[in-house]
Amino acid sequence: MKEKLLLLGDQAIALGAIHAGITGVYAYPGTPSTEITEYIQEYPLAKERNIHSRWCTNEKTAMEAALGVSYIGKRALVCMKHVGLNVAADAFVNSAMTGTNGGLVVLVADDPSMHSSQNEQDSRFYGKFAFTPIFEPSSQQEAYDMVRYAFDLSEKCELPVLMRITTRMAHSRAVVETAEIRQQNDIKFPEDKSRWILLPVNARRRYNELLAVQPELEKISTESQYNVYKKGNKQGVIACGIGYNYLMENYPEGCDRTVLKISQYPLPRNIIKEIVADCDEVLILEDGQPFVEEQVRGLLDESGKIKGRLTGELPRVGELTPDNVKLALGFESEQHLDASKNVAPRPPALCSGCGHRDVYDALNEVIKDYTDAKVFSDIGCYTLGALPPFRTINSCVDMGASITMAKGAADGGLFPSIAVIGDSTFTHSGITGLLDAVNSKSNVTIIISDNETTAMTGGQDSAGTGRLEAICLGVGVEAEHLHVVVPLPKNMDAIKATIKQEIEYNGVSVIIPRRDCIQTHKRKAKK
């Protein structure tokens, strides 16, 4: 049943997300975004649907957990203030590379004039940097409608969507009319599993795919109901987000200027060129930094004098090299052999005798008995568990994402949800994710594959050596569900039994397979 409610902008977004069928909201409190999660925490339908709404340890763990929800085909909202996006940037930018399965909306509340912040950064730059669609509502009603549409677009384009608001939109009230309420998505796994494992061979392909979809995103933006071009006199205005609201307040009887309202990005370049051609001058209204103004100034250069990557003189992807610079300068370049075509590939593999091998052998034996078992992993040499002969892991996004993605997937109903992380990565970025899992009593099994060094980067000391058990216990893992095993073939039956036992436990469990890295062991022996 439709209702009319007086809502803050934050509350309109929260209600829109609930009505869009989210499974969870993941956030760290920060003004002016805090009220979004608080509204969901107290809303009756959210409680009835058991929508996950517990606060996360930081914005990075929030982003990763939401990505885990998306991986299993469900919808998630992740909220933060603008400076929080700096903390979540690794996961956010890489989420555009993995893409989405279930709808994923990243709500960022900027704070121009620094009412409660340490800077005035404009989050739209992050969206442009990551090549994701961006939304910027101009009213509370639009905020409610837009977040629902953003989830649909995220699933249609298989990309995360950045929704940017500012303090005045977040903390001002207006009447909002609600729409139909959608049910939550069922679990559905990604069709292209390789996208979620950002090994270089997959990431390079995915980056080209991400660039290739940009013209379609601009077309969608050009045709969007949220980008409106209305012709008037020769004085033009481009009004972005709440700037359109402010513009119309000055014209209560109707605006006679030519107006382009922009609330969806990437910028609709053809419409911008049209308004510039139609008008003697164009005033750009945007709350925050001159994000649009800088781009429009660039679009107005019709002289063809600017050359570079966008015009094809230099390659759009890959490194700048002496050879392609030489070509761009107009000089002839010597022909070089293409190594990719003339050198036999040597895919990386785990070392013979590596303890990670025994971990994956045991894990594969156990999870074959579970239809929907998924293993979320991380960045380290154990990422090679994605390759033959193991093919064990289903994701590798950024440092520390394994535990939080497994947690998010478990929050959405996945069983079993398993995380594999290395000892060094665990102390780098995994502890906070474990704390989130413990606080939420998530049903996850976490394997910290401990080779007692930072093996992938050359065998540097690992910060957690000798204290992983103490860290896990200190974070709140129950002692009876914390196990240390020695990954050797002779111990395989005991390791499999331990993994099976902890998968069946409904809560957080940690298994630490510990054996010295074979390469580090050799170096120690030489010394």
Protein backbone atom coordinates (compact mmCIF):
# COMPACT_ATOMS: atom_id res chain seq x y z
CA MET A 1 0.00 0.00 0.00
CA LYS A 2 1.35 3.42 -0.97
CA GLU A 3 1.98 5.95 1.79
CA LYS A 4 3.01 9.59 2.06
CA LEU A 5 5.68 10.13 4.70
CA LEU A 6 7.73 13.11 5.92
CA LEU A 7 11.31 11.87 5.70
CA LEU A 8 14.88 13.02 5.92
CA GLY A 9 16.89 12.37 2.77
CA ASP A 10 18.75 9.65 4.69
CA GLN A 11 15.48 8.06 5.73
CA ALA A 12 14.10 8.20 2.18
CA ILE A 13 17.16 6.31 0.96
CA ALA A 14 16.85 3.75 3.76
CA LEU A 15 13.18 3.13 3.05
CA GLY A 16 13.82 2.94 -0.68
CA ALA A 17 16.49 0.29 -0.06
CA ILE A 18 14.18 -1.75 2.18
CA HIS A 19 11.43 -1.55 -0.43
CA ALA A 20 13.96 -2.54 -3.13
CA GLY A 21 14.44 -5.88 -1.37
CA ILE A 22 17.83 -5.56 0.29
CA THR A 23 19.19 -8.45 2.34
CA GLY A 24 21.61 -6.29 4.33
CA VAL A 25 22.91 -2.82 5.02
CA TYR A 26 26.61 -2.58 5.87
CA ALA A 27 28.00 0.63 7.33
CA TYR A 28 30.28 2.39 9.74
CA PRO A 29 28.68 5.40 11.44
CA GLY A 30 29.67 8.80 10.09
CA THR A 31 27.73 12.05 9.75
CA PRO A 32 25.88 12.75 7.50
CA SER A 33 25.19 9.09 6.56
CA THR A 34 24.46 7.56 9.98
CA GLU A 35 20.68 7.89 9.96
CA ILE A 36 20.34 5.55 6.98
CA THR A 37 21.47 2.49 8.91
CA GLU A 38 19.71 3.59 12.08
CA TYR A 39 16.40 3.88 10.22
CA ILE A 40 16.80 0.37 8.80
CA GLN A 41 17.73 -1.00 12.23
CA GLU A 42 14.43 0.23 13.70
CA TYR A 43 12.07 -0.19 10.74
CA PRO A 44 9.45 -2.93 11.40
CA LEU A 45 9.65 -4.54 7.94
CA ALA A 46 13.45 -4.71 8.19
CA LYS A 47 13.11 -6.55 11.51
CA GLU A 48 10.42 -8.83 10.10
CA ARG A 49 12.64 -9.71 7.13
CA ASN A 50 15.72 -10.06 9.34
CA ILE A 51 17.63 -7.58 7.18
CA HIS A 52 21.22 -7.50 8.40
CA SER A 53 21.93 -4.08 9.88
CA ARG A 54 24.68 -4.47 12.48
CA TRP A 55 27.45 -1.85 12.38
CA CYS A 56 30.74 -2.94 10.82
CA THR A 57 34.24 -2.39 12.20
CA ASN A 58 35.16 -0.02 9.37
CA GLU A 59 34.08 1.03 5.89
CA LYS A 60 36.36 -1.48 4.20
CA THR A 61 34.79 -4.44 5.97
CA ALA A 62 31.37 -2.97 5.21
CA MET A 63 32.13 -2.75 1.49
CA GLU A 64 33.52 -6.27 1.36
CA ALA A 65 30.63 -7.82 3.27
CA ALA A 66 28.16 -6.10 0.95
CA LEU A 67 30.15 -7.50 -1.97
CA GLY A 68 29.75 -10.94 -0.46
CA VAL A 69 25.99 -10.46 -0.39
CA SER A 70 26.11 -9.41 -4.04
CA TYR A 71 28.19 -12.46 -4.94
CA ILE A 72 25.35 -14.79 -3.93
CA GLY A 73 22.82 -12.83 -5.97
CA LYS A 74 21.19 -10.79 -3.20
CA ARG A 75 20.95 -7.02 -2.80
CA ALA A 76 23.05 -4.99 -0.37
CA LEU A 77 23.38 -1.33 0.57
CA VAL A 78 26.68 -0.07 1.94
CA CYS A 79 26.78 3.37 3.56
CA MET A 80 29.55 5.74 4.64
CA LYS A 81 30.54 9.38 4.68
CA HIS A 82 32.95 10.69 2.10
CA VAL A 83 36.17 10.14 4.05
CA GLY A 84 35.03 6.59 4.73
CA LEU A 85 35.25 5.93 1.01
CA ASN A 86 38.99 6.41 1.32
CA VAL A 87 39.06 3.48 3.75
CA ALA A 88 36.86 1.38 1.44
CA ALA A 89 38.55 2.50 -1.79
CA ASP A 90 40.50 -0.71 -2.43
CA ALA A 91 37.38 -2.84 -2.25
CA PHE A 92 35.18 -0.26 -4.02
CA VAL A 93 37.43 0.22 -7.05
CA ASN A 94 38.01 -3.52 -7.38
CA SER A 95 34.28 -4.21 -7.08
CA ALA A 96 33.89 -2.52 -10.46
CA MET A 97 36.41 -5.04 -11.78
CA THR A 98 34.60 -8.05 -10.32
CA GLY A 99 31.24 -6.57 -11.16
CA THR A 100 28.10 -7.52 -9.28
CA ASN A 101 25.68 -10.40 -9.20
CA GLY A 102 22.99 -9.11 -6.85
CA GLY A 103 22.40 -5.35 -6.85
CA LEU A 104 25.00 -3.34 -4.91
CA VAL A 105 24.54 0.35 -4.09
CA VAL A 106 27.33 2.29 -2.39
CA LEU A 107 25.81 5.32 -0.65
CA VAL A 108 28.32 8.05 0.14
CA ALA A 109 27.33 11.24 1.99
CA ASP A 110 29.64 14.17 1.21
CA ASP A 111 29.98 17.13 3.56
CA PRO A 112 30.65 20.42 1.71
CA SER A 113 31.62 23.22 4.14
CA MET A 114 32.92 20.52 6.53
CA HIS A 115 30.08 20.69 9.05
CA SER A 116 31.47 17.58 10.74
CA SER A 117 34.38 16.51 8.59
CA GLN A 118 38.06 17.09 7.97
CA ASN A 119 37.83 17.76 4.24
CA GLU A 120 35.44 18.58 1.40
CA GLN A 121 36.29 15.81 -1.04
CA ASP A 122 33.76 15.02 -3.77
CA SER A 123 32.96 11.31 -4.05
CA ARG A 124 31.91 11.60 -7.68
CA PHE A 125 35.60 11.48 -8.57
CA TYR A 126 35.77 7.99 -7.09
CA GLY A 127 32.86 6.84 -9.23
CA LYS A 128 34.47 8.23 -12.37
CA PHE A 129 37.81 6.73 -11.36
CA ALA A 130 36.23 3.29 -10.91
CA PHE A 131 34.08 3.57 -14.11
CA THR A 132 30.83 2.97 -12.23
CA PRO A 133 27.45 4.65 -12.71
CA ILE A 134 26.83 7.56 -10.30
CA PHE A 135 23.53 8.89 -8.99
CA GLU A 136 22.91 12.23 -7.26
CA PRO A 137 19.30 12.90 -6.21
CA SER A 138 17.84 16.40 -6.27
CA SER A 139 15.03 15.76 -3.76
CA GLN A 140 13.93 13.34 -1.07
CA GLN A 141 11.34 11.81 -3.42
CA GLU A 142 14.00 11.32 -6.04
CA ALA A 143 16.31 9.80 -3.43
CA TYR A 144 13.66 7.20 -2.56
CA ASP A 145 12.89 6.40 -6.21
CA MET A 146 16.49 6.55 -7.32
CA VAL A 147 17.91 4.02 -4.87
CA ARG A 148 15.32 1.51 -6.07
CA TYR A 149 16.27 2.19 -9.69
CA ALA A 150 19.97 2.01 -8.79
CA PHE A 151 19.58 -1.59 -7.57
CA ASP A 152 17.88 -2.52 -10.84
CA LEU A 153 20.63 -0.84 -12.88
CA SER A 154 23.33 -2.54 -10.82
CA GLU A 155 21.90 -5.93 -11.72
CA LYS A 156 21.25 -4.99 -15.35
CA CYS A 157 24.79 -3.68 -15.95
CA GLU A 158 26.43 -6.02 -13.42
CA LEU A 159 28.26 -3.12 -11.81
CA PRO A 160 28.18 -1.45 -8.39
CA VAL A 161 26.43 1.92 -8.36
CA LEU A 162 27.71 4.92 -6.40
CA MET A 163 24.94 7.11 -4.99
CA ARG A 164 26.21 10.45 -3.76
CA ILE A 165 24.32 12.85 -1.52
CA THR A 166 25.42 15.92 0.43
CA THR A 167 24.70 17.11 3.96
CA ARG A 168 21.66 19.24 3.07
CA MET A 169 20.02 16.39 1.18
CA ALA A 170 20.78 13.95 4.00
CA HIS A 171 19.43 16.13 6.80
CA SER A 172 16.48 18.03 5.30
CA ARG A 173 12.91 16.71 5.21
CA ALA A 174 10.23 16.47 2.54
CA VAL A 175 7.14 14.42 1.80
CA VAL A 176 7.87 11.12 0.04
CA GLU A 177 5.30 8.87 -1.62
CA THR A 178 6.22 5.21 -1.41
CA ALA A 179 5.92 2.58 -4.14
CA GLU A 180 5.46 -1.18 -4.27
CA ILE A 181 7.61 -3.34 -2.02
CA ARG A 182 9.88 -5.89 -3.63
CA GLN A 183 10.78 -9.28 -2.14
CA GLN A 184 14.40 -10.20 -1.46
CA ASN A 185 16.35 -12.04 -4.15
CA ASP A 186 16.97 -15.77 -3.91
CA ILE A 187 20.52 -17.09 -3.81
CA LYS A 188 22.00 -17.20 -7.32
CA PHE A 189 25.67 -17.66 -8.04
CA PRO A 190 27.62 -15.76 -10.73
CA GLU A 191 27.73 -17.26 -14.21
CA ASP A 192 31.23 -15.91 -14.93
CA LYS A 193 33.14 -17.13 -11.90
CA SER A 194 36.53 -15.96 -13.18
CA ARG A 195 35.53 -12.28 -12.81
CA TRP A 196 35.58 -12.65 -9.04
CA ILE A 197 39.19 -13.87 -8.94
CA LEU A 198 41.34 -10.86 -9.80
CA LEU A 199 44.45 -12.67 -10.85
CA PRO A 200 46.18 -10.53 -13.49
CA VAL A 201 45.02 -12.77 -16.36
CA ASN A 202 41.39 -12.22 -15.31
CA ALA A 203 41.80 -8.59 -14.27
CA ARG A 204 43.29 -7.54 -17.61
CA ARG A 205 40.37 -9.07 -19.49
CA ARG A 206 37.86 -7.62 -17.07
CA TYR A 207 39.36 -4.12 -17.31
CA ASN A 208 38.88 -4.12 -21.07
CA GLU A 209 35.30 -5.30 -20.59
CA LEU A 210 34.70 -2.51 -18.09
CA LEU A 211 36.00 0.08 -20.55
CA ALA A 212 33.94 -1.41 -23.38
CA VAL A 213 30.67 -0.95 -21.46
CA GLN A 214 31.23 2.78 -20.87
CA PRO A 215 29.47 3.93 -24.08
CA GLU A 216 26.40 1.94 -23.05
CA LEU A 217 26.47 3.53 -19.58
CA GLU A 218 26.61 6.97 -21.18
CA LYS A 219 23.70 6.05 -23.43
CA ILE A 220 21.67 4.95 -20.38
CA SER A 221 22.59 8.22 -18.68
CA THR A 222 21.58 10.25 -21.74
CA GLU A 223 18.16 8.57 -21.83
CA SER A 224 17.68 8.61 -18.04
CA GLN A 225 14.53 10.07 -16.53
CA TYR A 226 16.83 11.75 -13.99
CA ASN A 227 18.70 13.77 -16.63
CA VAL A 228 16.27 16.31 -18.11
CA TYR A 229 16.93 18.96 -20.76
CA LYS A 230 14.39 21.80 -21.05
CA LYS A 231 14.95 24.61 -23.53
CA GLY A 232 14.35 28.23 -22.61
CA ASN A 233 16.22 31.47 -23.21
CA LYS A 234 19.88 31.90 -24.12
CA GLN A 235 21.00 31.75 -20.48
CA GLY A 236 21.77 28.13 -19.73
CA VAL A 237 22.15 26.27 -16.44
CA ILE A 238 23.53 22.81 -15.76
CA ALA A 239 22.18 21.88 -12.33
CA CYS A 240 23.53 18.78 -10.57
CA GLY A 241 21.76 16.96 -7.75
CA ILE A 242 20.55 19.31 -5.04
CA GLY A 243 21.72 22.22 -7.21
CA TYR A 244 18.58 21.70 -9.29
CA ASN A 245 16.50 22.03 -6.12
CA TYR A 246 18.22 25.31 -5.30
CA LEU A 247 17.74 26.58 -8.87
CA MET A 248 14.00 25.95 -8.85
CA GLU A 249 13.59 27.63 -5.47
CA ASN A 250 14.60 30.86 -7.20
CA TYR A 251 11.93 30.41 -9.89
CA PRO A 252 8.67 29.65 -8.03
CA GLU A 253 6.64 30.58 -11.13
CA GLY A 254 8.75 28.46 -13.43
CA CYS A 255 12.29 28.82 -14.76
CA ASP A 256 12.67 30.58 -18.13
CA ARG A 257 16.30 29.60 -18.57
CA THR A 258 17.51 26.64 -20.63
CA VAL A 259 18.19 23.97 -18.02
CA LEU A 260 19.98 20.64 -18.05
CA LYS A 261 19.30 18.74 -14.82
CA ILE A 262 21.94 16.09 -14.15
CA SER A 263 21.38 13.40 -11.51
CA GLN A 264 22.91 10.40 -13.27
CA TYR A 265 26.46 9.93 -14.53
CA PRO A 266 28.55 9.42 -16.65
CA LEU A 267 27.88 12.83 -18.13
CA PRO A 268 25.55 12.87 -21.15
CA ARG A 269 28.05 14.50 -23.46
CA ASN A 270 25.74 15.02 -26.45
CA ILE A 271 23.19 16.89 -24.33
CA ILE A 272 25.94 19.02 -22.83
CA LYS A 273 27.15 19.93 -26.31
CA GLU A 274 23.56 20.80 -27.22
CA ILE A 275 23.03 23.18 -24.30
CA VAL A 276 26.35 24.88 -24.99
CA ALA A 277 25.38 25.34 -28.65
CA ASP A 278 21.92 26.66 -27.72
CA CYS A 279 23.05 29.20 -25.12
CA ASP A 280 25.22 32.30 -24.89
CA GLU A 281 26.46 31.27 -21.46
CA VAL A 282 26.07 28.27 -19.18
CA LEU A 283 26.17 28.43 -15.37
CA ILE A 284 27.07 25.14 -13.66
CA LEU A 285 25.51 24.51 -10.25
CA GLU A 286 27.01 21.61 -8.29
CA ASP A 287 27.47 21.01 -4.57
CA GLY A 288 31.10 20.12 -3.95
CA GLN A 289 34.08 20.39 -6.22
CA PRO A 290 33.96 21.45 -9.93
CA PHE A 291 33.58 17.85 -11.05
CA VAL A 292 31.20 18.62 -13.91
CA GLU A 293 32.66 22.02 -14.70
CA GLU A 294 36.12 20.61 -15.39
CA GLN A 295 34.70 17.97 -17.70
CA VAL A 296 32.46 20.43 -19.54
CA ARG A 297 35.40 22.75 -20.12
CA GLY A 298 37.17 19.76 -21.66
CA LEU A 299 34.18 18.89 -23.83
CA LEU A 300 34.07 22.42 -25.23
CA ASP A 301 37.49 22.07 -26.86
CA GLU A 302 36.39 21.30 -30.42
CA SER A 303 39.71 22.34 -31.95
CA GLY A 304 41.09 18.82 -31.98
CA LYS A 305 44.30 20.09 -30.41
CA ILE A 306 44.19 17.71 -27.45
CA LYS A 307 45.70 14.34 -28.16
CA GLY A 308 46.42 11.32 -26.00
CA ARG A 309 44.83 8.14 -24.74
CA LEU A 310 41.26 9.24 -25.40
CA THR A 311 41.95 10.09 -29.04
CA GLY A 312 43.97 6.98 -29.81
CA GLU A 313 47.49 8.38 -30.20
CA LEU A 314 48.42 6.40 -27.07
CA PRO A 315 46.93 3.05 -26.02
CA ARG A 316 43.89 3.26 -23.75
CA VAL A 317 45.11 0.42 -21.54
CA GLY A 318 48.52 -0.76 -20.43
CA GLU A 319 51.78 1.00 -19.70
CA LEU A 320 53.33 4.07 -21.25
CA THR A 321 56.51 2.90 -22.99
CA PRO A 322 59.30 4.54 -24.97
CA ASP A 323 57.94 2.83 -28.09
CA ASN A 324 54.34 4.05 -27.87
CA VAL A 325 55.55 7.53 -26.92
CA LYS A 326 57.78 7.50 -29.97
CA LEU A 327 54.81 6.60 -32.18
CA ALA A 328 52.65 9.29 -30.59
CA LEU A 329 55.34 11.87 -31.35
CA GLY A 330 55.11 10.94 -35.02
CA PHE A 331 58.35 9.01 -35.29
CA GLU A 332 58.65 5.52 -36.68
CA SER A 333 59.17 2.83 -34.08
CA GLU A 334 61.09 -0.39 -34.44
CA GLN A 335 59.02 -3.55 -34.56
CA HIS A 336 59.34 -5.72 -31.47
CA LEU A 337 58.34 -9.29 -30.92
CA ASP A 338 55.08 -9.75 -29.04
CA ALA A 339 56.10 -11.83 -26.06
CA SER A 340 52.55 -13.03 -25.51
CA LYS A 341 52.62 -14.66 -28.96
CA ASN A 342 56.21 -15.88 -29.08
CA VAL A 343 56.97 -17.07 -25.57
CA ALA A 344 55.36 -20.18 -24.12
CA PRO A 345 53.22 -19.25 -21.10
CA ARG A 346 54.35 -20.40 -17.67
CA PRO A 347 51.37 -20.09 -15.34
CA PRO A 348 52.33 -19.69 -11.68
CA ALA A 349 51.88 -22.63 -9.33
CA LEU A 350 52.25 -23.37 -5.65
CA CYS A 351 55.69 -24.70 -4.77
CA SER A 352 56.19 -28.43 -4.37
CA GLY A 353 55.93 -29.19 -0.67
CA CYS A 354 53.89 -26.04 0.08
CA GLY A 355 51.52 -26.40 3.01
CA HIS A 356 48.79 -24.57 1.11
CA ARG A 357 48.60 -27.58 -1.22
CA ASP A 358 47.60 -29.89 1.61
CA VAL A 359 45.06 -27.33 2.87
CA TYR A 360 43.34 -27.20 -0.52
CA ASP A 361 43.46 -30.98 -0.96
CA ALA A 362 41.71 -31.44 2.38
CA LEU A 363 39.23 -28.63 1.77
CA ASN A 364 38.28 -29.96 -1.69
CA GLU A 365 37.61 -33.39 -0.23
CA VAL A 366 35.27 -31.95 2.39
CA ILE A 367 33.30 -29.40 0.35
CA LYS A 368 32.45 -31.83 -2.46
CA ASP A 369 29.73 -33.14 -0.14
CA TYR A 370 28.05 -29.68 -0.01
CA THR A 371 26.10 -28.51 -3.05
CA ASP A 372 26.45 -24.75 -2.46
CA ALA A 373 29.81 -24.56 -0.70
CA LYS A 374 31.81 -21.45 -1.63
CA VAL A 375 35.36 -20.56 -0.63
CA PHE A 376 36.20 -16.85 -0.46
CA SER A 377 39.92 -16.18 -0.55
CA ASP A 378 42.41 -13.37 -0.52
CA ILE A 379 45.65 -11.91 -1.81
CA GLY A 380 48.72 -14.07 -1.26
CA CYS A 381 50.46 -17.03 -2.87
CA TYR A 382 47.50 -19.15 -1.76
CA THR A 383 45.42 -17.26 -4.38
CA LEU A 384 46.87 -19.85 -6.76
CA GLY A 385 44.29 -22.20 -5.27
CA ALA A 386 42.02 -20.76 -7.98
CA LEU A 387 44.10 -22.52 -10.67
CA PRO A 388 44.46 -26.19 -11.60
CA PRO A 389 44.82 -28.66 -10.07
CA PHE A 390 42.89 -27.23 -7.10
CA ARG A 391 40.26 -24.76 -8.40
CA THR A 392 39.17 -24.36 -4.79
CA ILE A 393 38.59 -20.65 -4.31
CA ASN A 394 35.75 -18.56 -5.70
CA SER A 395 36.91 -14.99 -5.02
CA CYS A 396 39.96 -12.80 -4.56
CA VAL A 397 39.15 -9.09 -4.43
CA ASP A 398 41.47 -7.19 -2.11
CA MET A 399 43.52 -7.57 1.07
CA GLY A 400 41.29 -8.94 3.83
CA ALA A 401 38.15 -9.43 1.74
CA SER A 402 37.94 -13.20 2.23
CA ILE A 403 36.53 -13.13 5.76
CA THR A 404 34.13 -10.24 5.20
CA MET A 405 32.84 -11.61 1.89
CA ALA A 406 32.29 -15.00 3.53
CA LYS A 407 30.49 -13.20 6.36
CA GLY A 408 28.27 -11.27 3.95
CA ALA A 409 27.44 -14.41 2.00
CA ALA A 410 26.57 -16.21 5.25
CA ASP A 411 24.42 -13.25 6.30
CA GLY A 412 22.51 -13.72 3.04
CA GLY A 413 21.90 -17.42 3.74
CA LEU A 414 24.84 -19.22 2.08
CA PHE A 415 25.92 -22.50 3.72
CA PRO A 416 28.67 -23.40 4.01
CA SER A 417 30.53 -20.11 3.69
CA ILE A 418 34.29 -20.56 4.02
CA ALA A 419 37.17 -18.09 4.05
CA VAL A 420 40.83 -18.86 3.30
CA ILE A 421 43.34 -16.19 4.26
CA GLY A 422 47.08 -16.17 4.89
CA ASP A 423 48.74 -15.28 8.17
CA SER A 424 50.25 -12.02 6.88
CA THR A 425 47.08 -10.90 5.10
CA PHE A 426 45.08 -11.74 8.22
CA THR A 427 47.09 -9.31 10.32
CA HIS A 428 47.10 -6.73 7.52
CA SER A 429 43.36 -6.53 6.95
CA GLY A 430 41.60 -9.65 8.17
CA ILE A 431 41.33 -9.06 11.91
CA THR A 432 38.63 -6.41 11.55
CA GLY A 433 36.59 -8.75 9.37
CA LEU A 434 36.91 -11.49 11.99
CA LEU A 435 35.70 -9.04 14.63
CA ASP A 436 32.64 -8.27 12.50
CA ALA A 437 31.95 -12.00 12.11
CA VAL A 438 32.26 -12.60 15.86
CA ASN A 439 30.04 -9.63 16.74
CA SER A 440 27.37 -10.88 14.33
CA LYS A 441 27.81 -14.54 15.30
CA SER A 442 28.09 -15.28 11.60
CA ASN A 443 28.04 -18.89 10.43
CA VAL A 444 31.48 -18.92 8.80
CA THR A 445 34.47 -21.23 8.80
CA ILE A 446 37.76 -19.33 8.54
CA ILE A 447 41.02 -21.01 7.57
CA ILE A 448 44.15 -18.97 8.33
CA SER A 449 46.78 -20.80 6.30
CA ASP A 450 49.89 -19.95 8.31
CA ASN A 451 53.27 -20.39 6.65
CA GLU A 452 54.86 -18.06 9.22
CA THR A 453 56.06 -15.47 6.72
CA THR A 454 54.97 -13.02 4.05
CA ALA A 455 55.81 -15.53 1.37
CA MET A 456 54.48 -13.95 -1.82
CA THR A 457 56.62 -10.82 -1.52
CA GLY A 458 59.85 -12.53 -0.60
CA GLY A 459 59.61 -14.04 2.87
CA GLN A 460 59.42 -10.94 5.05
CA ASP A 461 58.43 -11.35 8.69
CA SER A 462 54.70 -11.78 9.28
CA ALA A 463 53.20 -9.55 11.98
CA GLY A 464 51.14 -12.38 13.45
CA THR A 465 53.81 -15.04 13.77
CA GLY A 466 53.48 -16.78 17.12
CA ARG A 467 50.35 -14.92 18.15
CA LEU A 468 47.53 -15.85 15.78
CA GLU A 469 45.73 -17.93 18.39
CA ALA A 470 45.95 -15.12 20.93
CA ILE A 471 44.59 -12.63 18.39
CA CYS A 472 41.64 -14.89 17.52
CA LEU A 473 40.83 -15.52 21.17
CA GLY A 474 41.19 -11.84 21.97
CA VAL A 475 38.79 -10.92 19.18
CA GLY A 476 36.26 -13.33 20.65
CA VAL A 477 36.58 -16.67 18.86
CA GLU A 478 35.52 -19.45 21.22
CA ALA A 479 38.45 -21.61 22.33
CA GLU A 480 36.66 -24.87 21.49
CA HIS A 481 36.26 -23.67 17.91
CA LEU A 482 39.86 -22.58 17.38
CA HIS A 483 42.09 -25.37 16.02
CA VAL A 484 45.72 -25.64 14.93
CA VAL A 485 46.63 -28.42 12.49
CA VAL A 486 49.81 -29.39 10.64
CA PRO A 487 49.18 -29.60 6.88
CA LEU A 488 50.95 -32.79 5.87
CA PRO A 489 49.63 -35.76 3.87
CA LYS A 490 49.90 -38.03 6.91
CA ASN A 491 47.52 -35.73 8.83
CA MET A 492 44.94 -35.49 6.04
CA ASP A 493 42.20 -37.51 7.73
CA ALA A 494 42.42 -35.45 10.92
CA ILE A 495 42.42 -32.16 8.99
CA LYS A 496 39.36 -33.18 6.96
CA ALA A 497 37.54 -34.22 10.13
CA THR A 498 38.31 -30.84 11.73
CA ILE A 499 37.10 -28.89 8.70
CA LYS A 500 33.92 -30.97 8.52
CA GLN A 501 33.26 -30.53 12.24
CA GLU A 502 33.62 -26.75 12.11
CA ILE A 503 31.53 -26.35 8.97
CA GLU A 504 28.71 -28.04 10.86
CA TYR A 505 29.11 -25.66 13.81
CA ASN A 506 26.64 -22.77 13.56
CA GLY A 507 28.94 -19.86 14.36
CA VAL A 508 32.45 -18.52 13.85
CA SER A 509 35.20 -21.10 13.79
CA VAL A 510 38.88 -20.71 12.95
CA ILE A 511 41.27 -23.40 11.73
CA ILE A 512 44.98 -22.57 11.52
CA PRO A 513 46.98 -24.98 9.32
CA ARG A 514 50.58 -24.13 10.29
CA ARG A 515 53.72 -25.19 8.49
CA ASP A 516 56.80 -23.17 7.55
CA CYS A 517 56.94 -21.87 3.97
CA ILE A 518 59.12 -24.26 1.98
CA GLN A 519 61.14 -21.41 0.47
CA THR A 520 61.65 -19.67 3.80
CA HIS A 521 62.58 -23.00 5.36
CA LYS A 522 65.31 -23.48 2.74
CA ARG A 523 66.70 -20.01 3.40
CA LYS A 524 66.70 -20.62 7.12
CA ALA A 525 68.49 -23.93 6.60
CA LYS A 526 71.23 -22.23 4.53
CA LYS A 527 71.77 -19.70 7.30
